[in-house]
C-alpha atoms as a PDB file:
ATOM      1  CA  MET A   1       0.063 -10.015  16.852  1.00  0.00           C
ATOM      2  CA  ALA A   2       2.301 -12.356  18.455  1.00  0.00           C
ATOM      3  CA  PHE A   3       1.828 -14.598  21.263  1.00  0.00           C
ATOM      4  CA  LEU A   4       3.970 -15.787  24.093  1.00  0.00           C
ATOM      5  CA  PRO A   5       5.693 -19.181  23.485  1.00  0.00           C
ATOM      6  CA  TYR A   6       4.899 -19.939  27.153  1.00  0.00           C
ATOM      7  CA  ALA A   7       1.728 -19.841  29.564  1.00  0.00           C
ATOM      8  CA  VAL A   8       1.974 -17.972  32.741  1.00  0.00           C
ATOM      9  CA  ASP A   9       1.092 -19.893  35.669  1.00  0.00           C
ATOM     10  CA  ALA A  10      -1.559 -18.579  38.016  1.00  0.00           C
ATOM     11  CA  VAL A  11      -1.541 -19.647  41.662  1.00  0.00           C
ATOM     12  CA  ALA A  12      -4.939 -20.457  43.291  1.00  0.00           C
ATOM     13  CA  ASP A  13      -5.061 -18.287  46.656  1.00  0.00           C
ATOM     14  CA  TYR A  14      -8.121 -19.682  48.134  1.00  0.00           C
ATOM     15  CA  GLY A  15      -8.182 -22.786  50.289  1.00  0.00           C
ATOM     16  CA  SER A  16     -11.604 -24.129  49.970  1.00  0.00           C
ATOM     17  CA  LEU A  17     -14.571 -23.757  47.920  1.00  0.00           C
ATOM     18  CA  ARG A  18     -16.377 -21.064  50.379  1.00  0.00           C
ATOM     19  CA  GLU A  19     -13.091 -19.059  49.700  1.00  0.00           C
ATOM     20  CA  LEU A  20     -13.280 -19.169  45.970  1.00  0.00           C
ATOM     21  CA  PHE A  21     -17.198 -18.371  46.189  1.00  0.00           C
ATOM     22  CA  HIS A  22     -16.530 -15.278  48.220  1.00  0.00           C
ATOM     23  CA  LYS A  23     -13.734 -14.114  46.130  1.00  0.00           C
ATOM     24  CA  ARG A  24     -15.750 -14.579  42.876  1.00  0.00           C
ATOM     25  CA  LEU A  25     -18.802 -12.938  44.652  1.00  0.00           C
ATOM     26  CA  ARG A  26     -16.554  -9.706  45.278  1.00  0.00           C
ATOM     27  CA  TRP A  27     -14.872  -9.528  41.683  1.00  0.00           C
ATOM     28  CA  ILE A  28     -18.549  -9.679  40.275  1.00  0.00           C
ATOM     29  CA  VAL A  29     -20.226  -7.143  42.829  1.00  0.00           C
ATOM     30  CA  VAL A  30     -17.229  -4.693  41.915  1.00  0.00           C
ATOM     31  CA  MET A  31     -17.992  -5.527  38.282  1.00  0.00           C
ATOM     32  CA  ARG A  32     -21.709  -4.490  38.819  1.00  0.00           C
ATOM     33  CA  HIS A  33     -20.648  -1.347  40.373  1.00  0.00           C
ATOM     34  CA  MET A  34     -17.913  -0.140  38.218  1.00  0.00           C
ATOM     35  CA  ARG A  35     -19.434  -1.426  34.652  1.00  0.00           C
ATOM     36  CA  PRO A  36     -22.975  -1.955  35.239  1.00  0.00           C
ATOM     37  CA  TRP A  37     -23.874  -2.673  31.625  1.00  0.00           C
ATOM     38  CA  GLY A  38     -21.206  -4.968  31.212  1.00  0.00           C
ATOM     39  CA  HIS A  39     -22.224  -7.034  34.439  1.00  0.00           C
ATOM     40  CA  LEU A  40     -25.843  -7.022  33.033  1.00  0.00           C
ATOM     41  CA  GLY A  41     -24.523  -8.345  29.522  1.00  0.00           C
ATOM     42  CA  LEU A  42     -22.717 -11.191  31.206  1.00  0.00           C
ATOM     43  CA  LEU A  43     -26.357 -12.882  31.267  1.00  0.00           C
ATOM     44  CA  LEU A  44     -25.790 -13.157  27.118  1.00  0.00           C
ATOM     45  CA  THR A  45     -22.728 -15.099  27.603  1.00  0.00           C
ATOM     46  CA  GLN A  46     -24.219 -17.835  30.062  1.00  0.00           C
ATOM     47  CA  GLY A  47     -25.143 -20.794  27.821  1.00  0.00           C
ATOM     48  CA  LEU A  48     -26.596 -23.245  30.720  1.00  0.00           C
ATOM     49  CA  PRO A  49     -29.093 -20.957  31.762  1.00  0.00           C
ATOM     50  CA  TRP A  50     -30.304 -20.078  28.420  1.00  0.00           C
ATOM     51  CA  SER A  51     -30.320 -23.790  27.516  1.00  0.00           C
ATOM     52  CA  LEU A  52     -32.452 -24.711  30.754  1.00  0.00           C
ATOM     53  CA  ALA A  53     -35.125 -21.733  29.772  1.00  0.00           C
ATOM     54  CA  ALA A  54     -35.408 -22.973  26.128  1.00  0.00           C
ATOM     55  CA  ILE A  55     -36.118 -26.515  27.807  1.00  0.00           C
ATOM     56  CA  ALA A  56     -38.541 -25.030  30.207  1.00  0.00           C
ATOM     57  CA  ALA A  57     -40.471 -23.301  27.400  1.00  0.00           C
ATOM     58  CA  HIS A  58     -40.829 -26.229  25.547  1.00  0.00           C
ATOM     59  CA  PRO A  59     -40.016 -29.211  27.587  1.00  0.00           C
ATOM     60  CA  SER A  60     -39.526 -32.363  25.296  1.00  0.00           C
ATOM     61  CA  ALA A  61     -36.518 -34.807  24.703  1.00  0.00           C
ATOM     62  CA  PRO A  62     -35.395 -33.437  21.355  1.00  0.00           C
ATOM     63  CA  VAL A  63     -35.330 -29.807  22.621  1.00  0.00           C
ATOM     64  CA  ALA A  64     -33.261 -30.779  25.736  1.00  0.00           C
ATOM     65  CA  LEU A  65     -30.802 -33.036  23.749  1.00  0.00           C
ATOM     66  CA  GLY A  66     -30.384 -30.360  21.315  1.00  0.00           C
ATOM     67  CA  TYR A  67     -30.022 -27.387  23.736  1.00  0.00           C
ATOM     68  CA  LEU A  68     -27.881 -29.194  26.480  1.00  0.00           C
ATOM     69  CA  GLY A  69     -25.959 -30.980  23.901  1.00  0.00           C
ATOM     70  CA  THR A  70     -25.070 -27.918  21.774  1.00  0.00           C
ATOM     71  CA  TYR A  71     -24.244 -26.094  25.111  1.00  0.00           C
ATOM     72  CA  LEU A  72     -21.810 -28.952  26.387  1.00  0.00           C
ATOM     73  CA  GLY A  73     -20.188 -29.438  22.894  1.00  0.00           C
ATOM     74  CA  LEU A  74     -19.475 -25.915  22.725  1.00  0.00           C
ATOM     75  CA  ARG A  75     -18.448 -25.579  26.325  1.00  0.00           C
ATOM     76  CA  LEU A  76     -16.012 -28.732  25.996  1.00  0.00           C
ATOM     77  CA  ALA A  77     -14.536 -27.350  22.694  1.00  0.00           C
ATOM     78  CA  MET A  78     -13.735 -23.990  24.386  1.00  0.00           C
ATOM     79  CA  THR A  79     -12.366 -25.805  27.216  1.00  0.00           C
ATOM     80  CA  TRP A  80      -9.954 -28.216  24.904  1.00  0.00           C
ATOM     81  CA  LEU A  81      -8.918 -25.146  22.639  1.00  0.00           C
ATOM     82  CA  ILE A  82      -7.744 -22.838  25.584  1.00  0.00           C
ATOM     83  CA  GLY A  83      -6.598 -25.234  28.149  1.00  0.00           C
ATOM     84  CA  VAL A  84      -5.353 -28.333  26.154  1.00  0.00           C
ATOM     85  CA  TRP A  85      -4.202 -26.604  23.134  1.00  0.00           C
ATOM     86  CA  GLY A  86      -3.727 -23.254  24.042  1.00  0.00           C
ATOM     87  CA  LEU A  87      -2.338 -23.337  27.615  1.00  0.00           C
ATOM     88  CA  LYS A  88      -1.277 -27.208  27.477  1.00  0.00           C
ATOM     89  CA  GLN A  89      -2.759 -27.819  30.580  1.00  0.00           C
ATOM     90  CA  PRO A  90      -2.083 -31.433  31.625  1.00  0.00           C
ATOM     91  CA  GLY A  91      -4.994 -33.606  33.032  1.00  0.00           C
ATOM     92  CA  LEU A  92      -7.503 -31.347  32.059  1.00  0.00           C
ATOM     93  CA  TRP A  93      -9.682 -34.022  30.153  1.00  0.00           C
ATOM     94  CA  ARG A  94     -10.522 -35.231  33.903  1.00  0.00           C
ATOM     95  CA  LYS A  95     -11.806 -32.211  35.048  1.00  0.00           C
ATOM     96  CA  MET A  96     -14.188 -31.378  32.032  1.00  0.00           C
ATOM     97  CA  PRO A  97     -17.267 -32.966  34.104  1.00  0.00           C
ATOM     98  CA  LEU A  98     -17.061 -30.058  36.127  1.00  0.00           C
ATOM     99  CA  ILE A  99     -17.570 -27.468  33.280  1.00  0.00           C
ATOM    100  CA  ALA A 100     -21.479 -27.639  34.010  1.00  0.00           C
ATOM    101  CA  VAL A 101     -21.180 -27.398  37.746  1.00  0.00           C
ATOM    102  CA  TRP A 102     -18.806 -24.368  37.387  1.00  0.00           C
ATOM    103  CA  ASP A 103     -21.179 -22.750  34.843  1.00  0.00           C
ATOM    104  CA  ALA A 104     -24.272 -23.327  37.363  1.00  0.00           C
ATOM    105  CA  MET A 105     -22.163 -21.694  40.082  1.00  0.00           C
ATOM    106  CA  ALA A 106     -21.241 -18.777  38.058  1.00  0.00           C
ATOM    107  CA  PHE A 107     -24.564 -18.133  37.187  1.00  0.00           C
ATOM    108  CA  PHE A 108     -25.647 -18.559  40.647  1.00  0.00           C
ATOM    109  CA  ILE A 109     -22.928 -16.012  41.815  1.00  0.00           C
ATOM    110  CA  TRP A 110     -23.841 -13.617  38.966  1.00  0.00           C
ATOM    111  CA  LEU A 111     -27.636 -13.515  40.693  1.00  0.00           C
ATOM    112  CA  VAL A 112     -26.480 -13.043  44.321  1.00  0.00           C
ATOM    113  CA  SER A 113     -24.257 -10.196  43.238  1.00  0.00           C
ATOM    114  CA  PHE A 114     -27.405  -8.214  42.420  1.00  0.00           C
ATOM    115  CA  GLY A 115     -28.244  -8.400  46.244  1.00  0.00           C
ATOM    116  CA  ARG A 116     -25.076  -6.899  47.432  1.00  0.00           C
ATOM    117  CA  LYS A 117     -24.407  -3.529  48.601  1.00  0.00           C
ATOM    118  CA  GLY A 118     -20.296  -4.062  49.262  1.00  0.00           C
ATOM    119  CA  ILE A 119     -17.627  -6.529  49.475  1.00  0.00           C
ATOM    120  CA  ARG A 120     -15.226  -8.145  52.232  1.00  0.00           C
ATOM    121  CA  TRP A 121     -11.712  -7.721  51.354  1.00  0.00           C
ATOM    122  CA  ARG A 122      -8.612  -8.727  53.396  1.00  0.00           C
ATOM    123  CA  GLY A 123     -10.768  -9.073  56.621  1.00  0.00           C
ATOM    124  CA  SER A 124     -12.818  -5.610  56.412  1.00  0.00           C
ATOM    125  CA  ASP A 125     -15.983  -4.620  54.930  1.00  0.00           C
ATOM    126  CA  TYR A 126     -16.467  -2.090  52.015  1.00  0.00           C
ATOM    127  CA  ARG A 127     -19.190  -0.260  50.131  1.00  0.00           C
ATOM    128  CA  ILE A 128     -18.608   0.817  46.736  1.00  0.00           C
ATOM    129  CA  ARG A 129     -19.361   4.710  46.434  1.00  0.00           C
ATOM    130  CA  ASP A 130     -18.107   6.544  43.267  1.00  0.00           C
ATOM    131  CA  GLY A 131     -15.916   3.773  42.256  1.00  0.00           C
ATOM    132  CA  ARG A 132     -14.103   3.984  45.594  1.00  0.00           C
ATOM    133  CA  LEU A 133     -13.870   1.644  48.577  1.00  0.00           C
ATOM    134  CA  VAL A 134     -15.294   3.014  51.508  1.00  0.00           C
ATOM    135  CA  PRO A 135     -14.749   1.161  54.813  1.00  0.00           C
ATOM    136  CA  VAL A 136     -17.877  -0.003  56.899  1.00  0.00           C
ATOM    137  CA  VAL A 137     -17.408   1.083  60.241  1.00  0.00           C
ATOM    138  CA  HIS A 138     -20.387  -0.603  62.059  1.00  0.00           C
ATOM    139  CA  GLY A 139     -22.668  -3.449  60.896  1.00  0.00           C
ATOM    140  CA  SER A 140     -21.683  -5.510  57.618  1.00  0.00           C
ATOM    141  CA  VAL A 141     -21.720  -4.657  54.216  1.00  0.00           C
ATOM    142  CA  ASP A 142     -25.162  -5.765  53.427  1.00  0.00           C
ATOM    143  CA  ASP A 143     -26.856  -3.991  56.374  1.00  0.00           C
END
């Protein structure tokens, strides 16, 4: 296996945090419909909620320090390995404090996806039926 000697730039096509939230929600709702076991399995990849659950089960300073410290250490290491070393992204260290914020937002989006019956894409509402997007004629996707 060989890696490309350059990184592919991605262009963020959202103008606000709200647009990012809706785009990520659309992606995860589609995943829930198309790959339900994969969607459910995402829970196993979420370090922050598991760390917080462990702290809630055994609320003590050593447990909190151990779980949150391990979570943050591993997430920082992954981000450095992929972003700084692999993709050679400049200035990534300044954004490191946002990792836990993003993980919390991603978990929230994952939870919200269970209550969605459809998506909004390019200004139109759709339901997902049998792997296809079906336009919603009246109402909204969650009626």
